[in-house]
All heavy atoms as atom14 arrays in JSON, in Angstrom:
{
  "sequence": "AGDDRNLIYITCHLKVSPADQAPTPLTKACSFNKASSLWAPVEG",
  "atom14_mask": [
    [1, 1, 1, 1, 1, 0, 0, 0, 0, 0, 0, 0, 0, 0],
    [1, 1, 1, 1, 0, 0, 0, 0, 0, 0, 0, 0, 0, 0],
    [1, 1, 1, 1, 1, 1, 1, 1, 0, 0, 0, 0, 0, 0],
    [1, 1, 1, 1, 1, 1, 1, 1, 0, 0, 0, 0, 0, 0],
    [1, 1, 1, 1, 1, 1, 1, 1, 1, 1, 1, 0, 0, 0],
    [1, 1, 1, 1, 1, 1, 1, 1, 0, 0, 0, 0, 0, 0],
    [1, 1, 1, 1, 1, 1, 1, 1, 0, 0, 0, 0, 0, 0],
    [1, 1, 1, 1, 1, 1, 1, 1, 0, 0, 0, 0, 0, 0],
    [1, 1, 1, 1, 1, 1, 1, 1, 1, 1, 1, 1, 0, 0],
    [1, 1, 1, 1, 1, 1, 1, 1, 0, 0, 0, 0, 0, 0],
    [1, 1, 1, 1, 1, 1, 1, 0, 0, 0, 0, 0, 0, 0],
    [1, 1, 1, 1, 1, 1, 0, 0, 0, 0, 0, 0, 0, 0],
    [1, 1, 1, 1, 1, 1, 1, 1, 1, 1, 0, 0, 0, 0],
    [1, 1, 1, 1, 1, 1, 1, 1, 0, 0, 0, 0, 0, 0],
    [1, 1, 1, 1, 1, 1, 1, 1, 1, 0, 0, 0, 0, 0],
    [1, 1, 1, 1, 1, 1, 1, 0, 0, 0, 0, 0, 0, 0],
    [1, 1, 1, 1, 1, 1, 0, 0, 0, 0, 0, 0, 0, 0],
    [1, 1, 1, 1, 1, 1, 1, 0, 0, 0, 0, 0, 0, 0],
    [1, 1, 1, 1, 1, 0, 0, 0, 0, 0, 0, 0, 0, 0],
    [1, 1, 1, 1, 1, 1, 1, 1, 0, 0, 0, 0, 0, 0],
    [1, 1, 1, 1, 1, 1, 1, 1, 1, 0, 0, 0, 0, 0],
    [1, 1, 1, 1, 1, 0, 0, 0, 0, 0, 0, 0, 0, 0],
    [1, 1, 1, 1, 1, 1, 1, 0, 0, 0, 0, 0, 0, 0],
    [1, 1, 1, 1, 1, 1, 1, 0, 0, 0, 0, 0, 0, 0],
    [1, 1, 1, 1, 1, 1, 1, 0, 0, 0, 0, 0, 0, 0],
    [1, 1, 1, 1, 1, 1, 1, 1, 0, 0, 0, 0, 0, 0],
    [1, 1, 1, 1, 1, 1, 1, 0, 0, 0, 0, 0, 0, 0],
    [1, 1, 1, 1, 1, 1, 1, 1, 1, 0, 0, 0, 0, 0],
    [1, 1, 1, 1, 1, 0, 0, 0, 0, 0, 0, 0, 0, 0],
    [1, 1, 1, 1, 1, 1, 0, 0, 0, 0, 0, 0, 0, 0],
    [1, 1, 1, 1, 1, 1, 0, 0, 0, 0, 0, 0, 0, 0],
    [1, 1, 1, 1, 1, 1, 1, 1, 1, 1, 1, 0, 0, 0],
    [1, 1, 1, 1, 1, 1, 1, 1, 0, 0, 0, 0, 0, 0],
    [1, 1, 1, 1, 1, 1, 1, 1, 1, 0, 0, 0, 0, 0],
    [1, 1, 1, 1, 1, 0, 0, 0, 0, 0, 0, 0, 0, 0],
    [1, 1, 1, 1, 1, 1, 0, 0, 0, 0, 0, 0, 0, 0],
    [1, 1, 1, 1, 1, 1, 0, 0, 0, 0, 0, 0, 0, 0],
    [1, 1, 1, 1, 1, 1, 1, 1, 0, 0, 0, 0, 0, 0],
    [1, 1, 1, 1, 1, 1, 1, 1, 1, 1, 1, 1, 1, 1],
    [1, 1, 1, 1, 1, 0, 0, 0, 0, 0, 0, 0, 0, 0],
    [1, 1, 1, 1, 1, 1, 1, 0, 0, 0, 0, 0, 0, 0],
    [1, 1, 1, 1, 1, 1, 1, 0, 0, 0, 0, 0, 0, 0],
    [1, 1, 1, 1, 1, 1, 1, 1, 1, 0, 0, 0, 0, 0],
    [1, 1, 1, 1, 0, 0, 0, 0, 0, 0, 0, 0, 0, 0]
  ],
  "atom14_positions": [
    [[14.26, -2.76, -11.18], [15.09, -1.69, -10.62], [16.57, -2.03, -10.78], [16.98, -3.17, -10.54], [14.76, -1.46, -9.15], [0.0, 0.0, 0.0], [0.0, 0.0, 0.0], [0.0, 0.0, 0.0], [0.0, 0.0, 0.0], [0.0, 0.0, 0.0], [0.0, 0.0, 0.0], [0.0, 0.0, 0.0], [0.0, 0.0, 0.0], [0.0, 0.0, 0.0]],
    [[17.34, -1.04, -11.2], [18.78, -1.22, -11.32], [19.2, -1.99, -12.55], [20.38, -2.35, -12.67], [0.0, 0.0, 0.0], [0.0, 0.0, 0.0], [0.0, 0.0, 0.0], [0.0, 0.0, 0.0], [0.0, 0.0, 0.0], [0.0, 0.0, 0.0], [0.0, 0.0, 0.0], [0.0, 0.0, 0.0], [0.0, 0.0, 0.0], [0.0, 0.0, 0.0]],
    [[18.28, -2.27, -13.46], [18.62, -3.01, -14.68], [18.18, -2.19, -15.89], [17.03, -1.75, -15.96], [17.94, -4.38, -14.69], [18.51, -5.29, -15.77], [18.22, -5.06, -16.96], [19.24, -6.22, -15.42], [0.0, 0.0, 0.0], [0.0, 0.0, 0.0], [0.0, 0.0, 0.0], [0.0, 0.0, 0.0], [0.0, 0.0, 0.0], [0.0, 0.0, 0.0]],
    [[19.12, -1.97, -16.82], [18.84, -1.11, -17.96], [18.29, -1.87, -19.17], [18.01, -1.27, -20.21], [20.12, -0.35, -18.37], [20.57, 0.64, -17.3], [19.7, 1.15, -16.57], [21.79, 0.87, -17.18], [0.0, 0.0, 0.0], [0.0, 0.0, 0.0], [0.0, 0.0, 0.0], [0.0, 0.0, 0.0], [0.0, 0.0, 0.0], [0.0, 0.0, 0.0]],
    [[18.17, -3.19, -19.06], [17.64, -3.94, -20.21], [16.17, -3.61, -20.43], [15.42, -3.38, -19.49], [17.83, -5.45, -19.96], [19.25, -5.93, -20.22], [19.42, -7.36, -19.81], [19.53, -7.5, -18.35], [19.78, -8.63, -17.72], [19.94, -9.74, -18.42], [19.87, -8.66, -16.42], [0.0, 0.0, 0.0], [0.0, 0.0, 0.0], [0.0, 0.0, 0.0]],
    [[15.77, -3.61, -21.68], [14.41, -3.21, -22.04], [13.52, -4.41, -22.38], [12.39, -4.22, -22.82], [14.44, -2.26, -23.24], [15.05, -0.92, -22.9], [14.84, -0.41, -21.81], [15.83, -0.37, -23.81], [0.0, 0.0, 0.0], [0.0, 0.0, 0.0], [0.0, 0.0, 0.0], [0.0, 0.0, 0.0], [0.0, 0.0, 0.0], [0.0, 0.0, 0.0]],
    [[14.03, -5.62, -22.19], [13.26, -6.81, -22.56], [12.91, -7.6, -21.31], [13.78, -7.95, -20.52], [14.07, -7.68, -23.51], [13.37, -8.93, -24.06], [12.14, -8.54, -24.86], [14.33, -9.74, -24.92], [0.0, 0.0, 0.0], [0.0, 0.0, 0.0], [0.0, 0.0, 0.0], [0.0, 0.0, 0.0], [0.0, 0.0, 0.0], [0.0, 0.0, 0.0]],
    [[11.62, -7.84, -21.12], [11.13, -8.63, -19.99], [10.29, -9.78, -20.52], [9.48, -9.61, -21.43], [10.3, -7.75, -19.02], [11.2, -6.73, -18.33], [9.58, -8.61, -17.98], [10.43, -5.76, -17.44], [0.0, 0.0, 0.0], [0.0, 0.0, 0.0], [0.0, 0.0, 0.0], [0.0, 0.0, 0.0], [0.0, 0.0, 0.0], [0.0, 0.0, 0.0]],
    [[10.51, -10.97, -19.97], [9.73, -12.15, -20.33], [8.64, -12.4, -19.29], [8.9, -12.33, -18.09], [10.64, -13.39, -20.43], [11.65, -13.32, -21.54], [12.89, -12.7, -21.34], [11.39, -13.88, -22.78], [13.83, -12.64, -22.36], [12.31, -13.83, -23.81], [13.54, -13.21, -23.58], [14.47, -13.15, -24.59], [0.0, 0.0, 0.0], [0.0, 0.0, 0.0]],
    [[7.44, -12.66, -19.75], [6.33, -13.0, -18.86], [5.88, -14.42, -19.2], [5.48, -14.69, -20.34], [5.16, -12.02, -18.99], [5.59, -10.63, -18.54], [3.96, -12.49, -18.16], [4.51, -9.57, -18.69], [0.0, 0.0, 0.0], [0.0, 0.0, 0.0], [0.0, 0.0, 0.0], [0.0, 0.0, 0.0], [0.0, 0.0, 0.0], [0.0, 0.0, 0.0]],
    [[5.98, -15.31, -18.25], [5.58, -16.71, -18.44], [4.42, -17.02, -17.52], [4.49, -16.77, -16.32], [6.76, -17.66, -18.12], [7.91, -17.25, -18.86], [6.4, -19.09, -18.49], [0.0, 0.0, 0.0], [0.0, 0.0, 0.0], [0.0, 0.0, 0.0], [0.0, 0.0, 0.0], [0.0, 0.0, 0.0], [0.0, 0.0, 0.0], [0.0, 0.0, 0.0]],
    [[3.33, -17.55, -18.1], [2.13, -17.84, -17.32], [1.77, -19.32, -17.39], [1.99, -19.98, -18.41], [0.94, -17.01, -17.83], [1.17, -15.22, -17.64], [0.0, 0.0, 0.0], [0.0, 0.0, 0.0], [0.0, 0.0, 0.0], [0.0, 0.0, 0.0], [0.0, 0.0, 0.0], [0.0, 0.0, 0.0], [0.0, 0.0, 0.0], [0.0, 0.0, 0.0]],
    [[1.24, -19.81, -16.31], [0.73, -21.18, -16.23], [-0.8, -21.1, -16.23], [-1.39, -20.5, -15.34], [1.23, -21.85, -14.95], [0.68, -23.22, -14.74], [0.41, -23.74, -13.5], [0.32, -24.2, -15.63], [-0.08, -24.97, -13.62], [-0.15, -25.26, -14.9], [0.0, 0.0, 0.0], [0.0, 0.0, 0.0], [0.0, 0.0, 0.0], [0.0, 0.0, 0.0]],
    [[-1.42, -21.68, -17.26], [-2.87, -21.65, -17.41], [-3.45, -23.01, -17.07], [-2.81, -24.04, -17.28], [-3.27, -21.27, -18.84], [-2.58, -20.05, -19.45], [-3.08, -19.8, -20.85], [-2.77, -18.83, -18.58], [0.0, 0.0, 0.0], [0.0, 0.0, 0.0], [0.0, 0.0, 0.0], [0.0, 0.0, 0.0], [0.0, 0.0, 0.0], [0.0, 0.0, 0.0]],
    [[-4.66, -23.02, -16.55], [-5.33, -24.29, -16.28], [-6.83, -24.11, -16.44], [-7.34, -22.99, -16.52], [-5.0, -24.8, -14.88], [-5.58, -24.0, -13.72], [-5.17, -24.62, -12.4], [-5.71, -23.85, -11.21], [-5.23, -24.42, -9.93], [0.0, 0.0, 0.0], [0.0, 0.0, 0.0], [0.0, 0.0, 0.0], [0.0, 0.0, 0.0], [0.0, 0.0, 0.0]],
    [[-7.54, -25.22, -16.52], [-8.98, -25.2, -16.73], [-9.68, -26.08, -15.7], [-9.07, -26.97, -15.09], [-9.36, -25.68, -18.14], [-8.88, -24.72, -19.2], [-8.83, -27.08, -18.4], [0.0, 0.0, 0.0], [0.0, 0.0, 0.0], [0.0, 0.0, 0.0], [0.0, 0.0, 0.0], [0.0, 0.0, 0.0], [0.0, 0.0, 0.0], [0.0, 0.0, 0.0]],
    [[-10.97, -25.82, -15.55], [-11.85, -26.68, -14.77], [-13.18, -26.76, -15.53], [-13.45, -25.93, -16.38], [-12.06, -26.12, -13.36], [-12.85, -24.95, -13.41], [0.0, 0.0, 0.0], [0.0, 0.0, 0.0], [0.0, 0.0, 0.0], [0.0, 0.0, 0.0], [0.0, 0.0, 0.0], [0.0, 0.0, 0.0], [0.0, 0.0, 0.0], [0.0, 0.0, 0.0]],
    [[-14.01, -27.75, -15.25], [-15.33, -27.79, -15.91], [-16.1, -26.51, -15.65], [-16.1, -25.98, -14.54], [-16.0, -29.0, -15.25], [-14.87, -29.87, -14.8], [-13.78, -28.93, -14.39], [0.0, 0.0, 0.0], [0.0, 0.0, 0.0], [0.0, 0.0, 0.0], [0.0, 0.0, 0.0], [0.0, 0.0, 0.0], [0.0, 0.0, 0.0], [0.0, 0.0, 0.0]],
    [[-16.75, -25.99, -16.68], [-17.43, -24.7, -16.57], [-18.58, -24.75, -15.57], [-18.94, -23.71, -14.99], [-17.95, -24.27, -17.94], [0.0, 0.0, 0.0], [0.0, 0.0, 0.0], [0.0, 0.0, 0.0], [0.0, 0.0, 0.0], [0.0, 0.0, 0.0], [0.0, 0.0, 0.0], [0.0, 0.0, 0.0], [0.0, 0.0, 0.0], [0.0, 0.0, 0.0]],
    [[-19.15, -25.93, -15.34], [-20.26, -26.02, -14.39], [-19.79, -26.26, -12.96], [-20.6, -26.43, -12.05], [-21.24, -27.12, -14.82], [-20.57, -28.49, -14.9], [-19.34, -28.59, -14.66], [-21.27, -29.47, -15.23], [0.0, 0.0, 0.0], [0.0, 0.0, 0.0], [0.0, 0.0, 0.0], [0.0, 0.0, 0.0], [0.0, 0.0, 0.0], [0.0, 0.0, 0.0]],
    [[-18.47, -26.27, -12.75], [-17.92, -26.46, -11.4], [-17.68, -25.1, -10.75], [-17.09, -24.21, -11.35], [-16.61, -27.25, -11.48], [-15.9, -27.44, -10.14], [-14.61, -28.22, -10.31], [-14.62, -29.36, -10.78], [-13.5, -27.61, -9.97], [0.0, 0.0, 0.0], [0.0, 0.0, 0.0], [0.0, 0.0, 0.0], [0.0, 0.0, 0.0], [0.0, 0.0, 0.0]],
    [[-18.14, -24.93, -9.53], [-17.99, -23.66, -8.84], [-16.5, -23.38, -8.58], [-15.74, -24.29, -8.27], [-18.75, -23.69, -7.52], [0.0, 0.0, 0.0], [0.0, 0.0, 0.0], [0.0, 0.0, 0.0], [0.0, 0.0, 0.0], [0.0, 0.0, 0.0], [0.0, 0.0, 0.0], [0.0, 0.0, 0.0], [0.0, 0.0, 0.0], [0.0, 0.0, 0.0]],
    [[-16.07, -22.11, -8.73], [-14.68, -21.75, -8.44], [-14.31, -22.09, -7.0], [-15.15, -22.04, -6.1], [-14.63, -20.25, -8.69], [-15.76, -19.99, -9.64], [-16.83, -20.97, -9.26], [0.0, 0.0, 0.0], [0.0, 0.0, 0.0], [0.0, 0.0, 0.0], [0.0, 0.0, 0.0], [0.0, 0.0, 0.0], [0.0, 0.0, 0.0], [0.0, 0.0, 0.0]],
    [[-13.05, -22.41, -6.79], [-12.53, -22.77, -5.47], [-11.25, -21.98, -5.21], [-10.76, -21.28, -6.11], [-12.22, -24.28, -5.42], [-11.06, -24.54, -6.25], [-13.4, -25.12, -5.91], [0.0, 0.0, 0.0], [0.0, 0.0, 0.0], [0.0, 0.0, 0.0], [0.0, 0.0, 0.0], [0.0, 0.0, 0.0], [0.0, 0.0, 0.0], [0.0, 0.0, 0.0]],
    [[-10.66, -22.09, -4.01], [-9.37, -21.42, -3.77], [-8.26, -21.86, -4.71], [-7.27, -21.14, -4.87], [-9.06, -21.81, -2.32], [-10.4, -21.99, -1.69], [-11.23, -22.63, -2.75], [0.0, 0.0, 0.0], [0.0, 0.0, 0.0], [0.0, 0.0, 0.0], [0.0, 0.0, 0.0], [0.0, 0.0, 0.0], [0.0, 0.0, 0.0], [0.0, 0.0, 0.0]],
    [[-8.41, -23.02, -5.37], [-7.41, -23.5, -6.32], [-7.79, -23.2, -7.77], [-6.97, -23.36, -8.66], [-7.19, -25.0, -6.14], [-6.6, -25.43, -4.79], [-6.44, -26.94, -4.73], [-5.26, -24.75, -4.54], [0.0, 0.0, 0.0], [0.0, 0.0, 0.0], [0.0, 0.0, 0.0], [0.0, 0.0, 0.0], [0.0, 0.0, 0.0], [0.0, 0.0, 0.0]],
    [[-9.02, -22.81, -8.0], [-9.47, -22.42, -9.35], [-10.23, -21.11, -9.21], [-11.43, -21.09, -8.98], [-10.39, -23.5, -9.98], [-11.46, -23.8, -9.07], [-9.61, -24.77, -10.26], [0.0, 0.0, 0.0], [0.0, 0.0, 0.0], [0.0, 0.0, 0.0], [0.0, 0.0, 0.0], [0.0, 0.0, 0.0], [0.0, 0.0, 0.0], [0.0, 0.0, 0.0]],
    [[-9.5, -20.0, -9.36], [-10.09, -18.69, -9.12], [-9.34, -17.63, -9.91], [-8.24, -17.88, -10.43], [-10.03, -18.34, -7.63], [-8.62, -18.2, -7.07], [-8.64, -17.95, -5.58], [-7.25, -17.7, -5.0], [-6.33, -18.84, -5.21], [0.0, 0.0, 0.0], [0.0, 0.0, 0.0], [0.0, 0.0, 0.0], [0.0, 0.0, 0.0], [0.0, 0.0, 0.0]],
    [[-9.94, -16.45, -10.02], [-9.3, -15.28, -10.61], [-9.65, -14.1, -9.72], [-10.77, -13.58, -9.75], [-9.8, -15.05, -12.04], [0.0, 0.0, 0.0], [0.0, 0.0, 0.0], [0.0, 0.0, 0.0], [0.0, 0.0, 0.0], [0.0, 0.0, 0.0], [0.0, 0.0, 0.0], [0.0, 0.0, 0.0], [0.0, 0.0, 0.0], [0.0, 0.0, 0.0]],
    [[-8.7, -13.67, -8.87], [-8.97, -12.67, -7.84], [-8.13, -11.41, -8.05], [-6.91, -11.48, -8.27], [-8.67, -13.25, -6.46], [-9.73, -14.64, -5.99], [0.0, 0.0, 0.0], [0.0, 0.0, 0.0], [0.0, 0.0, 0.0], [0.0, 0.0, 0.0], [0.0, 0.0, 0.0], [0.0, 0.0, 0.0], [0.0, 0.0, 0.0], [0.0, 0.0, 0.0]],
    [[-8.79, -10.26, -7.96], [-8.12, -8.96, -8.05], [-8.29, -8.22, -6.73], [-9.28, -8.42, -6.02], [-8.73, -8.12, -9.19], [-8.68, -8.79, -10.42], [0.0, 0.0, 0.0], [0.0, 0.0, 0.0], [0.0, 0.0, 0.0], [0.0, 0.0, 0.0], [0.0, 0.0, 0.0], [0.0, 0.0, 0.0], [0.0, 0.0, 0.0], [0.0, 0.0, 0.0]],
    [[-7.33, -7.32, -6.44], [-7.42, -6.53, -5.22], [-8.13, -5.21, -5.5], [-7.73, -4.45, -6.39], [-6.03, -6.26, -4.64], [-6.06, -5.61, -3.29], [-6.42, -6.34, -2.16], [-5.75, -4.26, -3.15], [-6.46, -5.73, -0.9], [-5.79, -3.65, -1.9], [-6.15, -4.39, -0.78], [0.0, 0.0, 0.0], [0.0, 0.0, 0.0], [0.0, 0.0, 0.0]],
    [[-9.21, -4.97, -4.76], [-9.98, -3.74, -4.9], [-9.48, -2.73, -3.87], [-9.7, -2.89, -2.67], [-11.47, -4.04, -4.68], [-12.36, -2.85, -4.95], [-11.98, -1.71, -4.67], [-13.54, -3.1, -5.5], [0.0, 0.0, 0.0], [0.0, 0.0, 0.0], [0.0, 0.0, 0.0], [0.0, 0.0, 0.0], [0.0, 0.0, 0.0], [0.0, 0.0, 0.0]],
    [[-8.79, -1.7, -4.33], [-8.21, -0.73, -3.4], [-9.27, 0.1, -2.68], [-9.06, 0.56, -1.56], [-7.23, 0.18, -4.15], [-5.93, -0.53, -4.56], [-4.94, 0.47, -5.14], [-3.57, -0.16, -5.33], [-3.6, -1.25, -6.32], [0.0, 0.0, 0.0], [0.0, 0.0, 0.0], [0.0, 0.0, 0.0], [0.0, 0.0, 0.0], [0.0, 0.0, 0.0]],
    [[-10.42, 0.31, -3.32], [-11.47, 1.1, -2.7], [-12.01, 0.42, -1.45], [-12.29, 1.07, -0.44], [-12.61, 1.35, -3.7], [0.0, 0.0, 0.0], [0.0, 0.0, 0.0], [0.0, 0.0, 0.0], [0.0, 0.0, 0.0], [0.0, 0.0, 0.0], [0.0, 0.0, 0.0], [0.0, 0.0, 0.0], [0.0, 0.0, 0.0], [0.0, 0.0, 0.0]],
    [[-12.15, -0.9, -1.51], [-12.67, -1.64, -0.36], [-11.59, -2.35, 0.42], [-11.86, -2.91, 1.49], [-13.71, -2.67, -0.84], [-13.1, -3.63, -1.69], [0.0, 0.0, 0.0], [0.0, 0.0, 0.0], [0.0, 0.0, 0.0], [0.0, 0.0, 0.0], [0.0, 0.0, 0.0], [0.0, 0.0, 0.0], [0.0, 0.0, 0.0], [0.0, 0.0, 0.0]],
    [[-10.36, -2.34, -0.12], [-9.23, -3.07, 0.49], [-9.56, -4.55, 0.65], [-9.17, -5.18, 1.64], [-8.85, -2.46, 1.86], [-8.39, -1.14, 1.7], [0.0, 0.0, 0.0], [0.0, 0.0, 0.0], [0.0, 0.0, 0.0], [0.0, 0.0, 0.0], [0.0, 0.0, 0.0], [0.0, 0.0, 0.0], [0.0, 0.0, 0.0], [0.0, 0.0, 0.0]],
    [[-10.27, -5.1, -0.34], [-10.65, -6.51, -0.31], [-10.32, -7.16, -1.65], [-10.27, -6.5, -2.69], [-12.15, -6.66, -0.03], [-12.66, -6.19, 1.33], [-14.18, -6.26, 1.36], [-12.06, -7.04, 2.46], [0.0, 0.0, 0.0], [0.0, 0.0, 0.0], [0.0, 0.0, 0.0], [0.0, 0.0, 0.0], [0.0, 0.0, 0.0], [0.0, 0.0, 0.0]],
    [[-10.09, -8.47, -1.59], [-9.91, -9.25, -2.81], [-11.29, -9.63, -3.35], [-12.18, -10.02, -2.6], [-9.1, -10.5, -2.52], [-7.65, -10.22, -2.23], [-7.09, -9.98, -1.02], [-6.6, -10.14, -3.19], [-5.74, -9.76, -1.15], [-5.4, -9.84, -2.49], [-6.53, -10.28, -4.57], [-4.17, -9.71, -3.11], [-5.3, -10.14, -5.2], [-4.13, -9.85, -4.48]],
    [[-11.45, -9.54, -4.68], [-12.74, -9.84, -5.31], [-12.53, -10.83, -6.46], [-11.62, -10.63, -7.28], [-13.41, -8.57, -5.82], [0.0, 0.0, 0.0], [0.0, 0.0, 0.0], [0.0, 0.0, 0.0], [0.0, 0.0, 0.0], [0.0, 0.0, 0.0], [0.0, 0.0, 0.0], [0.0, 0.0, 0.0], [0.0, 0.0, 0.0], [0.0, 0.0, 0.0]],
    [[-13.36, -11.87, -6.55], [-13.21, -12.85, -7.63], [-13.98, -12.42, -8.89], [-14.97, -11.68, -8.8], [-13.83, -14.11, -7.03], [-14.9, -13.6, -6.12], [-14.4, -12.28, -5.57], [0.0, 0.0, 0.0], [0.0, 0.0, 0.0], [0.0, 0.0, 0.0], [0.0, 0.0, 0.0], [0.0, 0.0, 0.0], [0.0, 0.0, 0.0], [0.0, 0.0, 0.0]],
    [[-13.52, -12.87, -10.02], [-14.25, -12.65, -11.27], [-15.59, -13.37, -11.21], [-16.61, -12.87, -11.66], [-13.43, -13.13, -12.49], [-14.26, -13.09, -13.77], [-12.18, -12.28, -12.64], [0.0, 0.0, 0.0], [0.0, 0.0, 0.0], [0.0, 0.0, 0.0], [0.0, 0.0, 0.0], [0.0, 0.0, 0.0], [0.0, 0.0, 0.0], [0.0, 0.0, 0.0]],
    [[-15.59, -14.58, -10.65], [-16.83, -15.3, -10.38], [-16.63, -16.11, -9.11], [-15.51, -16.4, -8.7], [-17.23, -16.23, -11.54], [-16.19, -17.24, -11.92], [-15.33, -16.76, -13.07], [-15.89, -16.34, -14.08], [-14.09, -16.81, -12.95], [0.0, 0.0, 0.0], [0.0, 0.0, 0.0], [0.0, 0.0, 0.0], [0.0, 0.0, 0.0], [0.0, 0.0, 0.0]],
    [[-17.72, -16.48, -8.47], [-17.65, -17.22, -7.22], [-17.83, -16.3, -6.02], [-17.99, -15.08, -6.14], [0.0, 0.0, 0.0], [0.0, 0.0, 0.0], [0.0, 0.0, 0.0], [0.0, 0.0, 0.0], [0.0, 0.0, 0.0], [0.0, 0.0, 0.0], [0.0, 0.0, 0.0], [0.0, 0.0, 0.0], [0.0, 0.0, 0.0], [0.0, 0.0, 0.0]]
  ]
}
């Protein structure tokens, strides 16, 4: 807002864990579900 520049940089930090390790609060991928108003993980 309030900036007319058309260029935005997106920088992400990626990390891994062993595939056979269950996801934890530090290794997760969570989206907000507006229909249920709850956060839902991709797995776990």
